[in-house]
Amino acid sequence: MQKDAIVYIFLLLLFLGICISLCYSDGLICYQCADSTSDPKKAVCQNYKRLKKDRINAEKDGKMGRYFKNCTDYNETFCVIELIMSRGDTFSYIRDCSDGKTFSIELNAFKNLAADNQTTCSYRGDGYLACVTLCNTDMCNGPTGGVTYHVISKLFMLLTLTFCLLFKRFDILW
């Protein structure tokens, strides 16, 4: 192959790699849903299998699922799960984006929470138990398992870099 053709192929691959990365690096994606029931038949947000199925279908279709939300659009940098219970019954169960400071119930235990996907719980004086889980990676507030398009874009960029290094080593491009 001629040197010019290799340069054009390299530039094309680099351009495609950048495009793919930009297209699929839309910021933080979180699950978004809410329940106010303890009944497993009615609870969508607490139903792990239903959320996982929605995620798998979204990955197959290559688009956002109905329970997905781009948090970057709202200037929120965390995903959250909030659970509020009273006497063993779920009063509120929320998966959403968060600023990491504002929650459904203000309690001292929720100040300065780390986004480490650990759950912090505290009782309110009127008998409500509130729990908050804060995290900061895609889909961390629900069923996980690598998001295919992020993996593909990173793999493509790695292949492009490998291509560059190989051709640089053999002085084909430079």
Protein backbone atom coordinates (compact mmCIF):
# COMPACT_ATOMS: atom_id res chain seq x y z
CA MET A 1 0.00 0.00 0.00
CA GLN A 2 1.25 3.49 -0.74
CA LYS A 3 2.17 5.87 2.06
CA ASP A 4 -0.56 8.37 1.05
CA ALA A 5 -3.27 5.71 1.17
CA ILE A 6 -2.16 4.64 4.64
CA VAL A 7 -2.25 8.26 5.84
CA TYR A 8 -5.81 8.67 4.49
CA ILE A 9 -6.93 5.43 6.15
CA PHE A 10 -5.35 6.55 9.41
CA LEU A 11 -7.08 9.94 9.27
CA LEU A 12 -10.41 8.30 8.44
CA LEU A 13 -10.08 5.88 11.36
CA LEU A 14 -9.10 8.69 13.70
CA PHE A 15 -12.07 10.79 12.57
CA LEU A 16 -14.48 7.87 13.00
CA GLY A 17 -13.07 7.11 16.45
CA ILE A 18 -13.55 10.69 17.58
CA CYS A 19 -17.10 10.78 16.14
CA ILE A 20 -18.07 7.55 17.89
CA SER A 21 -16.64 8.75 21.19
CA LEU A 22 -18.45 12.08 20.95
CA CYS A 23 -21.74 10.49 19.93
CA TYR A 24 -21.79 8.13 22.88
CA SER A 25 -20.16 10.27 25.55
CA ASP A 26 -23.30 12.15 26.45
CA GLY A 27 -22.50 12.50 30.14
CA LEU A 28 -23.90 10.72 33.15
CA ILE A 29 -26.88 8.42 32.47
CA CYS A 30 -29.02 7.30 35.42
CA TYR A 31 -32.19 5.32 35.94
CA GLN A 32 -35.23 7.51 36.54
CA CYS A 33 -38.42 6.14 38.05
CA ALA A 34 -40.51 6.32 41.22
CA ASP A 35 -42.78 4.01 43.22
CA SER A 36 -45.00 4.60 46.21
CA THR A 37 -45.96 1.01 46.94
CA SER A 38 -44.59 -2.11 48.59
CA ASP A 39 -46.60 -4.35 46.25
CA PRO A 40 -44.05 -6.09 43.97
CA LYS A 41 -46.66 -6.47 41.20
CA LYS A 42 -47.22 -2.70 41.04
CA ALA A 43 -43.69 -1.51 41.79
CA VAL A 44 -41.80 -0.74 38.57
CA CYS A 45 -38.86 1.11 40.06
CA GLN A 46 -38.09 -1.62 42.60
CA ASN A 47 -38.43 -4.40 40.02
CA TYR A 48 -34.84 -5.32 39.16
CA LYS A 49 -35.82 -7.67 36.32
CA ARG A 50 -38.06 -5.09 34.61
CA LEU A 51 -35.37 -2.41 34.73
CA LYS A 52 -32.73 -4.83 33.48
CA LYS A 53 -35.00 -5.88 30.60
CA ASP A 54 -35.52 -2.23 29.66
CA ARG A 55 -31.77 -1.71 29.68
CA ILE A 56 -31.09 -4.76 27.50
CA ASN A 57 -33.77 -3.65 24.99
CA ALA A 58 -32.32 -0.13 24.91
CA GLU A 59 -28.84 -1.48 24.22
CA LYS A 60 -30.19 -3.64 21.38
CA ASP A 61 -32.06 -0.68 19.89
CA GLY A 62 -29.14 1.69 20.45
CA LYS A 63 -31.23 4.35 22.17
CA MET A 64 -32.20 5.59 25.61
CA GLY A 65 -34.58 3.36 27.55
CA ARG A 66 -37.78 4.73 29.03
CA TYR A 67 -36.28 4.61 32.53
CA PHE A 68 -33.02 6.37 31.51
CA LYS A 69 -32.18 10.03 32.07
CA ASN A 70 -29.21 12.10 30.93
CA CYS A 71 -28.28 13.88 34.17
CA THR A 72 -25.78 16.19 32.49
CA ASP A 73 -28.73 17.92 30.80
CA TYR A 74 -29.88 18.96 34.29
CA ASN A 75 -26.43 19.87 35.68
CA GLU A 76 -26.62 16.98 38.11
CA THR A 77 -23.51 14.86 38.52
CA PHE A 78 -24.76 11.93 40.59
CA CYS A 79 -27.25 9.09 40.38
CA VAL A 80 -29.36 8.43 43.46
CA ILE A 81 -31.69 5.88 45.00
CA GLU A 82 -33.97 7.23 47.72
CA LEU A 83 -36.11 4.97 49.88
CA ILE A 84 -38.58 6.27 52.45
CA MET A 85 -40.43 3.73 54.58
CA SER A 86 -42.87 3.84 57.46
CA ARG A 87 -43.75 0.79 59.54
CA GLY A 88 -42.31 -1.56 56.92
CA ASP A 89 -44.28 -0.09 54.01
CA THR A 90 -42.63 1.77 51.16
CA PHE A 91 -43.76 5.37 51.14
CA SER A 92 -41.45 6.43 48.32
CA TYR A 93 -38.81 4.72 46.18
CA ILE A 94 -36.97 6.96 43.71
CA ARG A 95 -34.16 6.40 41.21
CA ASP A 96 -33.02 9.64 39.61
CA CYS A 97 -30.27 12.19 39.05
CA SER A 98 -29.03 14.25 41.97
CA ASP A 99 -26.86 17.21 42.84
CA GLY A 100 -25.62 15.18 45.84
CA LYS A 101 -27.04 17.68 48.33
CA THR A 102 -30.80 17.86 47.86
CA PHE A 103 -32.97 14.85 48.74
CA SER A 104 -36.68 14.20 49.40
CA ILE A 105 -36.07 14.36 53.15
CA GLU A 106 -33.49 16.59 54.78
CA LEU A 107 -31.57 14.72 57.47
CA ASN A 108 -28.14 15.39 58.96
CA ALA A 109 -27.02 11.89 57.97
CA PHE A 110 -27.35 12.87 54.29
CA LYS A 111 -24.99 15.85 54.46
CA ASN A 112 -21.66 15.31 52.70
CA LEU A 113 -22.50 11.84 51.38
CA ALA A 114 -19.79 10.13 49.35
CA ALA A 115 -20.76 8.93 45.87
CA ASP A 116 -19.49 5.43 46.65
CA ASN A 117 -22.70 3.45 46.04
CA GLN A 118 -23.07 2.77 49.77
CA THR A 119 -26.47 3.20 51.39
CA THR A 120 -26.92 5.60 54.31
CA CYS A 121 -30.12 5.36 56.37
CA SER A 122 -31.56 7.49 59.15
CA TYR A 123 -34.82 7.73 61.10
CA ARG A 124 -36.86 10.88 61.14
CA GLY A 125 -38.65 11.81 64.38
CA ASP A 126 -42.11 10.87 63.08
CA GLY A 127 -41.17 7.24 62.42
CA TYR A 128 -40.07 7.43 58.80
CA LEU A 129 -36.90 5.61 57.77
CA ALA A 130 -35.07 7.28 54.91
CA CYS A 131 -32.19 5.74 52.96
CA VAL A 132 -30.05 7.33 50.26
CA THR A 133 -27.54 5.72 47.91
CA LEU A 134 -25.38 8.07 45.85
CA CYS A 135 -23.07 7.12 42.95
CA ASN A 136 -21.48 8.76 39.92
CA THR A 137 -21.09 6.27 37.08
CA ASP A 138 -23.50 5.43 34.26
CA MET A 139 -26.51 3.40 35.40
CA CYS A 140 -25.02 2.88 38.87
CA ASN A 141 -28.43 3.37 40.53
CA GLY A 142 -29.92 0.24 38.98
CA PRO A 143 -29.13 -3.05 37.30
CA THR A 144 -25.66 -2.81 35.82
CA GLY A 145 -23.70 -4.57 33.15
CA GLY A 146 -21.52 -2.75 30.68
CA VAL A 147 -23.27 -0.41 28.34
CA THR A 148 -22.38 -1.79 24.93
CA TYR A 149 -21.92 1.46 23.03
CA HIS A 150 -19.48 2.86 25.61
CA VAL A 151 -17.40 -0.32 25.36
CA ILE A 152 -17.45 -0.20 21.55
CA SER A 153 -16.34 3.45 21.40
CA LYS A 154 -13.48 2.84 23.85
CA LEU A 155 -12.40 -0.28 21.98
CA PHE A 156 -12.43 1.62 18.70
CA MET A 157 -10.27 4.40 20.16
CA LEU A 158 -7.84 1.79 21.54
CA LEU A 159 -7.57 0.16 18.11
CA THR A 160 -6.95 3.54 16.49
CA LEU A 161 -4.16 4.32 18.95
CA THR A 162 -2.64 0.88 18.40
CA PHE A 163 -2.75 1.49 14.65
CA CYS A 164 -0.95 4.82 15.13
CA LEU A 165 1.74 3.34 17.34
CA LEU A 166 2.39 0.42 15.01
CA PHE A 167 2.74 2.59 11.95
CA LYS A 168 4.87 5.10 13.80
CA ARG A 169 7.19 2.30 14.91
CA PHE A 170 7.68 1.16 11.33
CA ASP A 171 8.00 4.76 10.04
CA ILE A 172 5.10 4.37 7.65
CA LEU A 173 3.25 7.53 8.69
CA TRP A 174 5.98 9.78 10.05
